[in-house]
Amino acid sequence: MRAHVGDRLIVGSPATGAVRRDGEIVGLHHQDGTPPYDVRWSDTGDVTLVFPGPDAHIRHPGQDEAVAGTPMSANTPAEPAVGEMTAGGPGDAGRRVAQARRRQGLGLEETARRARISPDYLHYVETQPSDPSHGTLLRLADALGTTLLELKGGGQERPPGQGQALYHPRLWDLTEDECRSLLSTHGVGRVALTTSHGPGVFPVNYQVVDRTIAFRTSSDAAPAAAAGHEVAFEADQIDEAMSQGWSVLAVGRARAVTDPDAVRRLDERAHTGPWAGGRRTLWVVIVVEQLTGRRITPPDDA
C-alpha cells in the first residue's frame, strides 16, 4: 500500500464490505508512501496515526474505485458523492439515525454540529449502507436524545410496543397484493383457532405456497386442531427503534395435507424446519378467503 497526501483511506466492514469509515491522508511518515499515515477522519475531524489493516485501501483524488489501487477487501465500495444513493440503500443504523433526527425536528447541519461530525458524513450514514463507528453512534445518540442501544436496533428482549411513538404516525390499509407480498417474505406467524379448552393463538413457522399458507406441526400438537375449521392467521413485523411496522391478517379454512406427492412438494419447498423441533410431519394449509393488513409509517413515507 502506497499513498500520497490528499489521498483517501477507505476502511470497510469485514462483515458486510460496506464503507465503515473514511478520511483524508494529511501526513506521511515514509517517503515511499508506505504506512503509517496521519488521517483526518470524515466523521470526527480528528487526526490520528493509522496503520491500515486488511480491510482498508487507498483511493486517489479523481480516481474511480474500479481503477484505484487494488483494495485489500474487494467488496469494499468507494464513498459515493453526497446526495448519491446506492442500490443497497441505507443501513439499519442509518435509517434509525434519520428517523430519530426527524422525530426531534432537527436538520442535518444542526445534528452534525451537535454530534461533532461532518454534515456530509451524516448524510452518507443516513443514505448509504454504512457501518458507523461505536464512537460516532454514541455522539449521535447524545445529540438526538436517544441511546446507542436504540440506534443499533437493540432492546430486542423487551416486549414490543414500549418504544416512543412517532410524532405524527400514518396508519394506512394495505392492498391485497401488498399483504401477499409481505406474507411471502416472512417466516413466523400466529394461527388463531378454537380448541377444546377455548380460543388459542399459536406461533408457527410458515410459508406461502400457491396462494395458501402452509405450516408443519405434529398430529398431537395444538395447531393441528386447525384442520377442518375456519381459522385466522396473523403475521407482522415491528421495528421498535423506528416505531413503525405492519400487520397482515388472513382468514380461511384449514385442511390437513394427506396426499404423499403434495407432502413431498411441501417438504422440498420448505425454507426451514420448525423452530420448536421434534418430529413435525403434518402439513396444514390455510386456503385464504379474506386478506387484510395495515402499516404504521412516518407521515412523509408512502
Protein backbone atom coordinates (compact mmCIF):
# COMPACT_ATOMS: atom_id res chain seq x y z
CA MET A 1 0.00 0.00 0.00
CA ARG A 2 1.37 3.39 -1.06
CA ALA A 3 -0.29 6.78 -0.68
CA HIS A 4 0.19 10.50 -1.13
CA VAL A 5 -1.00 13.42 0.95
CA GLY A 6 -4.56 14.16 -0.14
CA ASP A 7 -5.47 10.55 -0.87
CA ARG A 8 -8.39 8.98 0.99
CA LEU A 9 -8.12 5.99 3.27
CA ILE A 10 -11.24 3.83 2.95
CA VAL A 11 -11.97 1.31 5.72
CA GLY A 12 -14.57 -1.35 5.02
CA SER A 13 -16.62 -3.51 7.33
CA PRO A 14 -15.20 -7.06 7.40
CA ALA A 15 -18.72 -8.43 7.81
CA THR A 16 -20.60 -6.58 5.07
CA GLY A 17 -17.99 -4.94 2.86
CA ALA A 18 -19.72 -1.58 3.33
CA VAL A 19 -17.72 1.56 4.00
CA ARG A 20 -17.25 1.81 7.75
CA ARG A 21 -15.03 4.88 7.92
CA ASP A 22 -13.01 7.11 5.64
CA GLY A 23 -10.62 10.01 5.97
CA GLU A 24 -8.08 12.17 4.19
CA ILE A 25 -4.39 11.33 4.47
CA VAL A 26 -2.78 14.53 5.73
CA GLY A 27 0.67 13.25 6.67
CA LEU A 28 3.21 10.60 5.63
CA HIS A 29 5.87 9.00 7.79
CA HIS A 30 7.82 7.34 4.96
CA GLN A 31 9.00 8.95 1.73
CA ASP A 32 7.87 5.96 -0.32
CA GLY A 33 4.24 6.43 0.80
CA THR A 34 4.00 3.26 2.84
CA PRO A 35 2.11 3.18 6.19
CA PRO A 36 1.57 4.52 8.76
CA TYR A 37 -0.37 7.66 7.83
CA ASP A 38 -1.80 10.68 9.59
CA VAL A 39 -5.52 10.58 8.73
CA ARG A 40 -8.18 13.23 9.29
CA TRP A 41 -11.39 11.24 9.72
CA SER A 42 -14.54 12.48 7.99
CA ASP A 43 -16.84 11.57 10.86
CA THR A 44 -14.98 13.40 13.63
CA GLY A 45 -12.44 15.71 12.03
CA ASP A 46 -9.78 14.22 14.34
CA VAL A 47 -6.31 13.43 13.04
CA THR A 48 -4.87 10.09 14.18
CA LEU A 49 -1.88 7.90 13.31
CA VAL A 50 -3.17 4.89 11.38
CA PHE A 51 -1.62 1.55 10.49
CA PRO A 52 -4.13 0.30 7.85
CA GLY A 53 -5.37 -3.24 8.23
CA PRO A 54 -6.54 -5.73 5.58
CA ASP A 55 -9.96 -4.07 5.44
CA ALA A 56 -8.54 -0.76 4.19
CA HIS A 57 -7.45 0.59 0.82
CA ILE A 58 -6.37 3.87 -0.79
CA ARG A 59 -8.38 5.99 -3.19
CA HIS A 60 -6.56 8.74 -5.10
CA PRO A 61 -8.30 12.06 -5.90
CA GLY A 62 -10.29 11.89 -9.11
CA GLN A 63 -9.81 8.13 -9.40
CA ASP A 64 -12.78 5.82 -9.66
CA GLU A 65 -12.96 2.87 -7.32
CA ALA A 66 -12.69 0.46 -10.25
CA VAL A 67 -9.22 1.76 -11.18
CA ALA A 68 -7.97 2.62 -7.70
CA GLY A 69 -5.11 0.74 -6.08
CA THR A 70 -6.04 -2.87 -5.53
CA PRO A 71 -8.24 -2.96 -2.41
CA MET A 72 -7.42 -5.36 0.39
CA SER A 73 -11.14 -6.14 0.56
CA ALA A 74 -12.51 -6.48 -2.96
CA ASN A 75 -16.11 -5.88 -1.88
CA THR A 76 -15.47 -2.53 -0.19
CA PRO A 77 -17.14 0.25 -2.24
CA ALA A 78 -15.83 3.78 -2.59
CA GLU A 79 -17.57 6.54 -0.70
CA PRO A 80 -20.28 7.97 -3.01
CA ALA A 81 -20.78 11.65 -3.61
CA VAL A 82 -23.10 13.45 -1.25
CA GLY A 83 -26.68 13.02 -2.43
CA GLU A 84 -25.91 9.88 -4.44
CA MET A 85 -27.85 6.78 -3.45
CA THR A 86 -26.52 3.26 -3.90
CA ALA A 87 -28.72 0.35 -4.84
CA GLY A 88 -28.42 -1.05 -1.34
CA GLY A 89 -29.99 1.97 0.32
CA PRO A 90 -29.29 3.00 3.90
CA GLY A 91 -28.23 0.52 6.54
CA ASP A 92 -30.25 -0.19 9.67
CA ALA A 93 -28.26 2.24 11.81
CA GLY A 94 -28.60 4.94 9.15
CA ARG A 95 -32.37 4.51 8.98
CA ARG A 96 -32.67 4.76 12.73
CA VAL A 97 -30.46 7.85 12.86
CA ALA A 98 -32.55 9.55 10.16
CA GLN A 99 -35.82 8.68 11.92
CA ALA A 100 -34.56 9.86 15.31
CA ARG A 101 -33.47 13.14 13.71
CA ARG A 102 -36.91 13.65 12.14
CA ARG A 103 -38.57 12.92 15.48
CA GLN A 104 -36.56 15.70 17.06
CA GLY A 105 -37.30 18.07 14.19
CA LEU A 106 -33.57 18.63 13.60
CA GLY A 107 -31.89 19.44 10.32
CA LEU A 108 -28.83 17.66 9.01
CA GLU A 109 -26.46 20.55 9.75
CA GLU A 110 -27.68 21.05 13.31
CA THR A 111 -27.50 17.35 14.12
CA ALA A 112 -23.99 17.11 12.70
CA ARG A 113 -22.93 20.14 14.75
CA ARG A 114 -24.31 18.64 17.96
CA ALA A 115 -22.66 15.29 17.25
CA ARG A 116 -19.37 16.95 16.22
CA ILE A 117 -19.26 15.19 12.85
CA SER A 118 -19.21 16.33 9.24
CA PRO A 119 -22.67 17.04 7.71
CA ASP A 120 -21.51 15.24 4.58
CA TYR A 121 -20.65 12.18 6.63
CA LEU A 122 -24.01 12.28 8.44
CA HIS A 123 -25.79 12.43 5.08
CA TYR A 124 -23.74 9.45 3.99
CA VAL A 125 -24.62 7.47 7.12
CA GLU A 126 -28.34 8.16 6.59
CA THR A 127 -28.43 7.27 2.90
CA GLN A 128 -25.82 4.57 2.29
CA PRO A 129 -25.26 1.02 3.64
CA SER A 130 -22.60 2.24 6.05
CA ASP A 131 -21.35 0.87 9.35
CA PRO A 132 -20.68 3.89 11.64
CA SER A 133 -18.14 3.50 14.38
CA HIS A 134 -19.17 2.98 18.01
CA GLY A 135 -17.98 6.50 18.92
CA THR A 136 -19.95 8.10 16.08
CA LEU A 137 -23.17 6.38 17.16
CA LEU A 138 -22.59 7.41 20.77
CA ARG A 139 -22.29 11.08 19.76
CA LEU A 140 -25.35 10.81 17.53
CA ALA A 141 -27.37 9.18 20.30
CA ASP A 142 -26.46 12.02 22.66
CA ALA A 143 -27.29 14.65 20.02
CA LEU A 144 -30.65 13.05 19.24
CA GLY A 145 -31.77 12.37 22.79
CA THR A 146 -31.79 8.60 22.35
CA THR A 147 -29.50 5.70 23.22
CA LEU A 148 -26.81 3.70 21.48
CA LEU A 149 -28.96 0.61 22.02
CA GLU A 150 -31.86 2.15 20.11
CA LEU A 151 -29.71 3.34 17.19
CA LYS A 152 -28.22 -0.13 16.87
CA GLY A 153 -31.66 -1.75 16.97
CA GLY A 154 -31.14 -3.25 20.39
CA GLY A 155 -33.62 -3.81 23.14
CA GLN A 156 -34.98 -6.86 21.35
CA GLU A 157 -35.62 -8.64 24.66
CA ARG A 158 -38.14 -6.01 25.70
CA PRO A 159 -41.81 -6.61 25.00
CA PRO A 160 -42.71 -4.81 21.75
CA GLY A 161 -44.51 -1.50 21.87
CA GLN A 162 -42.59 0.13 24.73
CA GLY A 163 -40.70 2.50 22.46
CA GLN A 164 -41.62 6.09 21.76
CA ALA A 165 -44.50 6.52 19.29
CA LEU A 166 -43.98 8.51 16.11
CA TYR A 167 -44.82 12.20 16.39
CA HIS A 168 -47.44 12.12 13.61
CA PRO A 169 -47.83 8.45 12.63
CA ARG A 170 -49.63 7.43 9.49
CA LEU A 171 -51.84 4.33 9.72
CA TRP A 172 -52.93 3.06 6.34
CA ASP A 173 -54.55 -0.01 4.83
CA LEU A 174 -52.56 -2.41 2.68
CA THR A 175 -53.85 -3.72 -0.63
CA GLU A 176 -54.35 -7.45 -1.06
CA ASP A 177 -51.27 -7.63 -3.30
CA GLU A 178 -49.20 -5.81 -0.65
CA CYS A 179 -50.46 -8.24 2.00
CA ARG A 180 -49.49 -11.25 -0.09
CA SER A 181 -46.08 -9.75 -0.82
CA LEU A 182 -45.39 -9.15 2.87
CA LEU A 183 -46.58 -12.62 3.86
CA SER A 184 -44.32 -14.23 1.26
CA THR A 185 -41.20 -12.65 2.80
CA HIS A 186 -41.92 -13.72 6.36
CA GLY A 187 -41.33 -16.95 8.25
CA VAL A 188 -43.12 -16.85 11.62
CA GLY A 189 -46.80 -16.13 12.16
CA ARG A 190 -49.64 -16.94 14.55
CA VAL A 191 -52.60 -19.19 13.87
CA ALA A 192 -55.76 -18.47 15.90
CA LEU A 193 -58.33 -21.22 16.38
CA THR A 194 -60.83 -22.66 18.80
CA THR A 195 -59.53 -25.60 20.83
CA SER A 196 -61.22 -27.93 23.31
CA HIS A 197 -60.04 -25.53 26.03
CA GLY A 198 -61.30 -22.38 24.29
CA PRO A 199 -59.70 -19.87 21.89
CA GLY A 200 -55.95 -20.21 21.33
CA VAL A 201 -53.20 -18.49 19.37
CA PHE A 202 -50.08 -20.44 18.44
CA PRO A 203 -46.85 -19.27 16.73
CA VAL A 204 -45.74 -21.39 13.77
CA ASN A 205 -43.11 -21.33 11.05
CA TYR A 206 -44.90 -20.94 7.74
CA GLN A 207 -44.52 -20.43 4.03
CA VAL A 208 -46.79 -19.19 1.25
CA VAL A 209 -47.43 -21.88 -1.37
CA ASP A 210 -49.78 -21.42 -4.34
CA ARG A 211 -51.74 -18.66 -2.57
CA THR A 212 -52.16 -20.75 0.57
CA ILE A 213 -50.42 -20.51 3.94
CA ALA A 214 -48.72 -23.76 4.93
CA PHE A 215 -47.20 -24.80 8.24
CA ARG A 216 -45.86 -28.01 9.78
CA THR A 217 -46.92 -29.42 13.12
CA SER A 218 -47.44 -32.78 14.78
CA SER A 219 -50.78 -34.57 14.93
CA ASP A 220 -50.97 -34.23 18.72
CA ALA A 221 -49.92 -30.56 18.86
CA ALA A 222 -52.45 -27.76 19.39
CA PRO A 223 -52.08 -26.18 15.89
CA ALA A 224 -53.17 -29.49 14.33
CA ALA A 225 -56.69 -28.71 15.57
CA ALA A 226 -56.90 -26.05 12.87
CA ALA A 227 -57.53 -28.71 10.20
CA GLY A 228 -61.15 -28.78 9.11
CA HIS A 229 -62.01 -25.40 10.63
CA GLU A 230 -62.07 -21.74 9.73
CA VAL A 231 -59.09 -20.03 11.35
CA ALA A 232 -57.31 -16.70 11.42
CA PHE A 233 -53.62 -16.29 10.68
CA GLU A 234 -51.55 -13.20 11.55
CA ALA A 235 -48.02 -12.14 10.73
CA ASP A 236 -46.34 -8.84 11.48
CA GLN A 237 -43.06 -7.02 11.63
CA ILE A 238 -42.29 -4.35 14.22
CA ASP A 239 -39.29 -2.04 14.14
CA GLU A 240 -39.15 -0.96 17.77
CA ALA A 241 -36.39 1.59 17.27
CA MET A 242 -38.26 3.17 14.34
CA SER A 243 -41.74 2.88 15.99
CA GLN A 244 -43.21 1.54 12.78
CA GLY A 245 -44.31 -1.75 11.30
CA TRP A 246 -47.00 -3.75 9.54
CA SER A 247 -49.54 -6.46 10.29
CA VAL A 248 -51.36 -8.82 7.93
CA LEU A 249 -54.43 -10.89 8.86
CA ALA A 250 -55.63 -13.85 6.79
CA VAL A 251 -58.90 -15.71 7.35
CA GLY A 252 -59.71 -19.03 5.70
CA ARG A 253 -60.41 -22.71 6.09
CA ALA A 254 -57.57 -25.01 7.11
CA ARG A 255 -57.08 -28.58 5.98
CA ALA A 256 -54.52 -31.30 6.58
CA VAL A 257 -52.41 -32.35 3.60
CA THR A 258 -52.58 -36.14 3.18
CA ASP A 259 -51.58 -36.71 -0.45
CA PRO A 260 -47.98 -38.08 -0.43
CA ASP A 261 -46.96 -36.13 -3.54
CA ALA A 262 -48.32 -32.89 -2.08
CA VAL A 263 -46.50 -33.55 1.19
CA ARG A 264 -43.27 -34.20 -0.69
CA ARG A 265 -43.62 -30.94 -2.65
CA LEU A 266 -44.17 -29.01 0.56
CA ASP A 267 -41.15 -30.67 2.18
CA GLU A 268 -39.00 -29.72 -0.81
CA ARG A 269 -40.13 -26.09 -0.76
CA ALA A 270 -39.70 -25.60 2.99
CA HIS A 271 -37.13 -22.91 3.77
CA THR A 272 -36.51 -24.01 7.35
CA GLY A 273 -37.51 -26.64 9.87
CA PRO A 274 -39.99 -25.86 12.65
CA TRP A 275 -38.20 -23.92 15.39
CA ALA A 276 -39.97 -25.98 18.04
CA GLY A 277 -38.01 -29.04 16.93
CA GLY A 278 -39.11 -32.62 17.22
CA ARG A 279 -40.83 -34.70 14.58
CA ARG A 280 -43.44 -32.48 12.92
CA THR A 281 -44.59 -34.14 9.73
CA LEU A 282 -48.20 -32.98 9.48
CA TRP A 283 -48.67 -30.21 6.92
CA VAL A 284 -51.67 -27.93 7.37
CA VAL A 285 -52.63 -25.40 4.70
CA ILE A 286 -54.97 -22.44 5.06
CA VAL A 287 -56.92 -21.55 1.93
CA VAL A 288 -57.14 -17.78 2.29
CA GLU A 289 -60.59 -16.26 1.82
CA GLN A 290 -60.03 -12.81 3.34
CA LEU A 291 -56.76 -10.89 3.48
CA THR A 292 -56.30 -7.50 5.11
CA GLY A 293 -53.40 -5.55 6.55
CA ARG A 294 -52.25 -2.22 7.92
CA ARG A 295 -48.97 -0.37 8.19
CA ILE A 296 -47.69 2.40 10.51
CA THR A 297 -45.14 4.76 8.99
CA PRO A 298 -43.85 8.31 9.49
CA PRO A 299 -46.11 10.93 7.90
CA ASP A 300 -43.75 11.58 4.99
CA ASP A 301 -43.42 7.92 3.97
CA ALA A 302 -45.66 6.42 1.33
